[in-house]
N, C-alpha and C. Protein backbone atom coordinates (compact mmCIF):
# COMPACT_ATOMS: atom_id res chain seq x y z
N MET A 1 78.36 80.76 122.73
CA MET A 1 79.64 81.08 122.15
C MET A 1 80.51 81.78 123.19
N GLN A 2 81.70 81.30 123.33
CA GLN A 2 82.69 81.97 124.17
C GLN A 2 83.85 82.36 123.27
N GLN A 3 84.22 83.61 123.31
CA GLN A 3 85.33 84.08 122.49
C GLN A 3 86.07 85.16 123.26
N ALA A 4 87.40 85.11 123.19
CA ALA A 4 88.23 86.12 123.84
C ALA A 4 89.18 86.72 122.80
N TYR A 5 89.36 88.01 122.91
CA TYR A 5 90.25 88.76 122.02
C TYR A 5 91.25 89.51 122.88
N LEU A 6 92.52 89.20 122.70
CA LEU A 6 93.58 89.83 123.48
C LEU A 6 94.47 90.64 122.54
N ILE A 7 94.62 91.91 122.83
CA ILE A 7 95.48 92.77 122.03
C ILE A 7 96.61 93.24 122.93
N GLY A 8 97.84 93.09 122.45
CA GLY A 8 99.00 93.55 123.21
C GLY A 8 99.96 94.32 122.32
N LEU A 9 100.09 95.60 122.57
CA LEU A 9 101.00 96.45 121.80
C LEU A 9 102.13 96.91 122.71
N CYS A 10 103.36 96.63 122.28
CA CYS A 10 104.46 96.96 123.19
C CYS A 10 105.58 97.78 122.56
N ASN A 11 105.64 97.91 121.27
CA ASN A 11 106.76 98.61 120.63
C ASN A 11 106.33 99.93 120.03
N TYR A 12 106.01 100.87 120.90
CA TYR A 12 105.64 102.22 120.46
C TYR A 12 106.90 102.96 120.03
N PRO A 13 106.77 103.92 119.09
CA PRO A 13 107.96 104.62 118.59
C PRO A 13 108.81 105.29 119.68
N ASN A 14 108.18 105.90 120.68
CA ASN A 14 108.95 106.64 121.68
C ASN A 14 109.10 105.90 123.00
N HIS A 15 108.49 104.75 123.12
CA HIS A 15 108.64 103.97 124.35
C HIS A 15 108.19 102.53 124.10
N GLU A 16 108.72 101.65 124.92
CA GLU A 16 108.35 100.24 124.84
C GLU A 16 107.68 99.82 126.13
N LEU A 17 106.82 98.84 126.02
CA LEU A 17 106.15 98.26 127.18
C LEU A 17 106.54 96.78 127.23
N PRO A 18 107.70 96.47 127.83
CA PRO A 18 108.24 95.11 127.74
C PRO A 18 107.42 94.05 128.47
N GLY A 19 106.53 94.43 129.36
CA GLY A 19 105.75 93.45 130.10
C GLY A 19 104.51 92.95 129.38
N ILE A 20 104.15 93.56 128.26
CA ILE A 20 102.91 93.22 127.58
C ILE A 20 102.85 91.75 127.14
N PRO A 21 103.89 91.18 126.51
CA PRO A 21 103.78 89.76 126.12
C PRO A 21 103.51 88.84 127.32
N ASN A 22 104.13 89.14 128.46
CA ASN A 22 103.87 88.35 129.66
C ASN A 22 102.43 88.54 130.13
N ASP A 23 101.92 89.77 130.06
CA ASP A 23 100.53 90.03 130.44
C ASP A 23 99.56 89.21 129.59
N LEU A 24 99.82 89.15 128.28
CA LEU A 24 98.94 88.38 127.39
C LEU A 24 98.99 86.89 127.73
N ALA A 25 100.19 86.38 128.01
CA ALA A 25 100.31 84.96 128.37
C ALA A 25 99.56 84.66 129.66
N LEU A 26 99.67 85.53 130.65
CA LEU A 26 98.96 85.34 131.91
C LEU A 26 97.44 85.43 131.72
N MET A 27 97.00 86.36 130.89
CA MET A 27 95.57 86.51 130.63
C MET A 27 95.03 85.26 129.92
N ARG A 28 95.79 84.75 128.97
CA ARG A 28 95.39 83.53 128.26
C ARG A 28 95.23 82.37 129.25
N ARG A 29 96.21 82.21 130.13
CA ARG A 29 96.13 81.13 131.14
C ARG A 29 94.93 81.31 132.04
N ALA A 30 94.65 82.54 132.45
CA ALA A 30 93.50 82.81 133.32
C ALA A 30 92.20 82.48 132.61
N LEU A 31 92.10 82.82 131.33
CA LEU A 31 90.88 82.52 130.57
C LEU A 31 90.68 81.01 130.43
N ILE A 32 91.74 80.28 130.16
CA ILE A 32 91.64 78.82 130.06
C ILE A 32 91.22 78.24 131.40
N HIS A 33 91.78 78.77 132.47
CA HIS A 33 91.40 78.32 133.81
C HIS A 33 89.91 78.58 134.07
N GLN A 34 89.36 79.63 133.47
CA GLN A 34 87.95 79.97 133.65
C GLN A 34 87.03 79.27 132.65
N GLY A 35 87.58 78.37 131.84
CA GLY A 35 86.75 77.56 130.97
C GLY A 35 86.78 77.90 129.49
N PHE A 36 87.52 78.92 129.10
CA PHE A 36 87.65 79.20 127.67
C PHE A 36 88.55 78.13 127.05
N THR A 37 88.20 77.66 125.87
CA THR A 37 89.08 76.71 125.18
C THR A 37 90.19 77.51 124.49
N PRO A 38 91.37 76.91 124.33
CA PRO A 38 92.47 77.64 123.70
C PRO A 38 92.13 78.18 122.31
N ASP A 39 91.34 77.43 121.54
CA ASP A 39 91.02 77.90 120.20
C ASP A 39 89.99 79.03 120.19
N ALA A 40 89.40 79.33 121.34
CA ALA A 40 88.44 80.44 121.45
C ALA A 40 89.13 81.74 121.86
N ILE A 41 90.45 81.70 121.99
CA ILE A 41 91.21 82.88 122.42
C ILE A 41 92.09 83.33 121.26
N GLN A 42 91.85 84.53 120.76
CA GLN A 42 92.65 85.09 119.68
C GLN A 42 93.53 86.20 120.24
N SER A 43 94.82 86.14 119.90
CA SER A 43 95.76 87.16 120.35
C SER A 43 96.25 87.96 119.16
N PHE A 44 96.39 89.26 119.36
CA PHE A 44 96.87 90.16 118.32
C PHE A 44 97.99 91.01 118.92
N GLY A 45 99.14 91.02 118.23
CA GLY A 45 100.28 91.78 118.73
C GLY A 45 100.57 93.01 117.89
N ASP A 46 101.83 93.43 117.93
CA ASP A 46 102.24 94.65 117.24
C ASP A 46 101.94 94.63 115.75
N ASP A 47 101.88 93.45 115.14
CA ASP A 47 101.58 93.39 113.72
C ASP A 47 100.17 93.89 113.41
N PHE A 48 99.31 93.99 114.42
CA PHE A 48 97.98 94.56 114.27
C PHE A 48 97.88 95.91 114.98
N GLY A 49 99.02 96.51 115.30
CA GLY A 49 99.04 97.70 116.13
C GLY A 49 98.83 99.02 115.43
N THR A 50 98.78 99.00 114.11
CA THR A 50 98.51 100.25 113.40
C THR A 50 97.03 100.59 113.55
N ALA A 51 96.66 101.80 113.22
CA ALA A 51 95.25 102.18 113.28
C ALA A 51 94.42 101.26 112.39
N ASP A 52 94.93 100.95 111.18
CA ASP A 52 94.20 100.03 110.30
C ASP A 52 94.12 98.63 110.89
N GLY A 53 95.20 98.18 111.52
CA GLY A 53 95.20 96.86 112.14
C GLY A 53 94.19 96.76 113.27
N LEU A 54 94.12 97.79 114.11
CA LEU A 54 93.15 97.79 115.20
C LEU A 54 91.72 97.84 114.67
N ARG A 55 91.51 98.60 113.60
CA ARG A 55 90.17 98.60 112.98
C ARG A 55 89.81 97.20 112.48
N HIS A 56 90.79 96.49 111.91
CA HIS A 56 90.57 95.12 111.44
C HIS A 56 90.16 94.21 112.60
N VAL A 57 90.86 94.32 113.72
CA VAL A 57 90.53 93.49 114.88
C VAL A 57 89.11 93.79 115.36
N LEU A 58 88.77 95.05 115.48
CA LEU A 58 87.42 95.41 115.96
C LEU A 58 86.34 94.96 114.97
N THR A 59 86.63 95.02 113.68
CA THR A 59 85.69 94.52 112.68
C THR A 59 85.54 93.01 112.80
N THR A 60 86.64 92.30 113.05
CA THR A 60 86.59 90.85 113.25
C THR A 60 85.69 90.49 114.42
N ILE A 61 85.83 91.21 115.52
CA ILE A 61 84.99 90.94 116.69
C ILE A 61 83.53 91.17 116.34
N ARG A 62 83.25 92.29 115.72
CA ARG A 62 81.86 92.59 115.34
C ARG A 62 81.29 91.51 114.43
N ASP A 63 82.06 91.11 113.42
CA ASP A 63 81.58 90.11 112.46
C ASP A 63 81.42 88.74 113.11
N ASP A 64 82.34 88.36 113.99
CA ASP A 64 82.23 87.07 114.68
C ASP A 64 80.92 86.98 115.45
N PHE A 65 80.57 88.05 116.13
CA PHE A 65 79.37 88.01 116.96
C PHE A 65 78.10 88.25 116.16
N ALA A 66 78.20 88.92 115.04
CA ALA A 66 77.01 89.12 114.20
C ALA A 66 76.58 87.80 113.57
N ASP A 67 77.56 86.93 113.27
CA ASP A 67 77.28 85.66 112.60
C ASP A 67 77.06 84.50 113.55
N ALA A 68 77.31 84.67 114.82
CA ALA A 68 77.28 83.55 115.76
C ALA A 68 75.90 83.39 116.40
N GLU A 69 75.62 82.15 116.73
CA GLU A 69 74.43 81.89 117.55
C GLU A 69 74.78 82.29 118.97
N GLN A 70 73.93 83.09 119.56
CA GLN A 70 74.19 83.57 120.91
C GLN A 70 73.09 83.11 121.85
N GLY A 71 73.49 82.82 123.05
CA GLY A 71 72.54 82.41 124.06
C GLY A 71 72.94 82.96 125.41
N PRO A 72 72.29 82.49 126.45
CA PRO A 72 72.57 83.02 127.79
C PRO A 72 73.99 82.71 128.28
N ASP A 73 74.64 81.72 127.68
CA ASP A 73 76.00 81.38 128.10
C ASP A 73 77.06 81.96 127.17
N SER A 74 76.66 82.85 126.27
CA SER A 74 77.62 83.47 125.35
C SER A 74 78.41 84.55 126.08
N HIS A 75 79.72 84.55 125.81
CA HIS A 75 80.60 85.54 126.43
C HIS A 75 81.60 86.05 125.40
N CYS A 76 81.84 87.34 125.45
CA CYS A 76 82.91 87.95 124.67
C CYS A 76 83.81 88.68 125.66
N PHE A 77 85.08 88.33 125.65
CA PHE A 77 86.05 88.97 126.54
C PHE A 77 87.03 89.75 125.67
N PHE A 78 87.26 91.01 126.02
CA PHE A 78 88.17 91.87 125.28
C PHE A 78 89.21 92.41 126.25
N TYR A 79 90.48 92.28 125.88
CA TYR A 79 91.57 92.78 126.72
C TYR A 79 92.52 93.58 125.83
N PHE A 80 92.88 94.76 126.28
CA PHE A 80 93.86 95.58 125.58
C PHE A 80 95.01 95.89 126.52
N GLY A 81 96.20 95.52 126.12
CA GLY A 81 97.42 95.88 126.84
C GLY A 81 98.24 96.79 125.93
N GLY A 82 98.48 98.00 126.36
CA GLY A 82 99.22 98.96 125.55
C GLY A 82 99.01 100.35 126.12
N SER A 83 99.37 101.35 125.34
CA SER A 83 99.18 102.73 125.77
C SER A 83 97.78 103.19 125.41
N GLY A 84 97.26 104.07 126.23
CA GLY A 84 95.96 104.66 125.95
C GLY A 84 96.13 106.13 125.63
N MET A 85 95.02 106.76 125.37
CA MET A 85 95.06 108.19 125.09
C MET A 85 93.82 108.84 125.66
N LEU A 86 93.96 110.10 125.98
CA LEU A 86 92.85 110.89 126.48
C LEU A 86 92.22 111.64 125.32
N SER A 87 91.01 112.08 125.54
CA SER A 87 90.36 112.93 124.55
C SER A 87 89.90 114.21 125.23
N VAL A 88 89.34 115.11 124.48
CA VAL A 88 88.83 116.36 125.03
C VAL A 88 87.73 116.07 126.05
N ASP A 89 86.90 115.09 125.76
CA ASP A 89 85.83 114.68 126.68
C ASP A 89 86.45 113.81 127.77
N PRO A 90 86.38 114.20 129.04
CA PRO A 90 87.03 113.42 130.11
C PRO A 90 86.43 112.03 130.30
N LEU A 91 85.27 111.75 129.74
CA LEU A 91 84.67 110.42 129.87
C LEU A 91 85.07 109.50 128.73
N GLU A 92 85.83 110.00 127.79
CA GLU A 92 86.27 109.19 126.67
C GLU A 92 87.77 109.02 126.71
N GLY A 93 88.23 108.00 126.10
CA GLY A 93 89.63 107.72 125.95
C GLY A 93 89.73 106.67 124.87
N GLY A 94 90.87 106.05 124.74
CA GLY A 94 90.93 105.03 123.71
C GLY A 94 92.25 104.33 123.67
N MET A 95 92.29 103.34 122.78
CA MET A 95 93.51 102.59 122.54
C MET A 95 94.41 103.44 121.65
N LYS A 96 95.69 103.40 121.93
CA LYS A 96 96.63 104.19 121.13
C LYS A 96 97.30 103.26 120.13
N PRO A 97 97.10 103.50 118.82
CA PRO A 97 97.78 102.69 117.82
C PRO A 97 99.27 103.01 117.80
N LEU A 98 100.05 102.13 117.19
CA LEU A 98 101.50 102.34 117.12
C LEU A 98 101.88 103.42 116.12
N ASP A 99 100.99 103.72 115.19
CA ASP A 99 101.31 104.69 114.15
C ASP A 99 100.33 105.86 114.15
N GLY A 100 100.69 106.92 113.49
CA GLY A 100 99.76 108.00 113.20
C GLY A 100 99.42 108.88 114.38
N ASP A 101 98.65 109.88 114.06
CA ASP A 101 98.15 110.83 115.03
C ASP A 101 97.09 110.15 115.89
N ASP A 102 97.10 110.40 117.17
CA ASP A 102 96.11 109.81 118.07
C ASP A 102 94.69 110.06 117.59
N LEU A 103 94.46 111.22 117.03
CA LEU A 103 93.11 111.58 116.62
C LEU A 103 92.68 110.86 115.35
N ASP A 104 93.61 110.21 114.65
CA ASP A 104 93.25 109.43 113.47
C ASP A 104 92.47 108.18 113.84
N PHE A 105 92.62 107.72 115.06
CA PHE A 105 91.95 106.50 115.49
C PHE A 105 90.80 106.87 116.36
């Protein structure tokens, strides 16, 4: 199984990241060039950018791979384009949702 998940969040309340849609398009082309089929690449934009939306995407990834037959040629590719956040622990960080307190996610 080969599956790619691309998340691109660009319309944050206090700032925008206008290059994100282009980044996702380039990443999609690179994945196809590397042998991923177009239907194996799922893209998620600002409509999935809330904390609940990001949880939905991560649950989808988990469920896809829990139900799939996996072998030595199985690959899961995950790409996040957007703002990140730091945590108290310097070895941790995370994706920043478009809504809510950073610590909610």
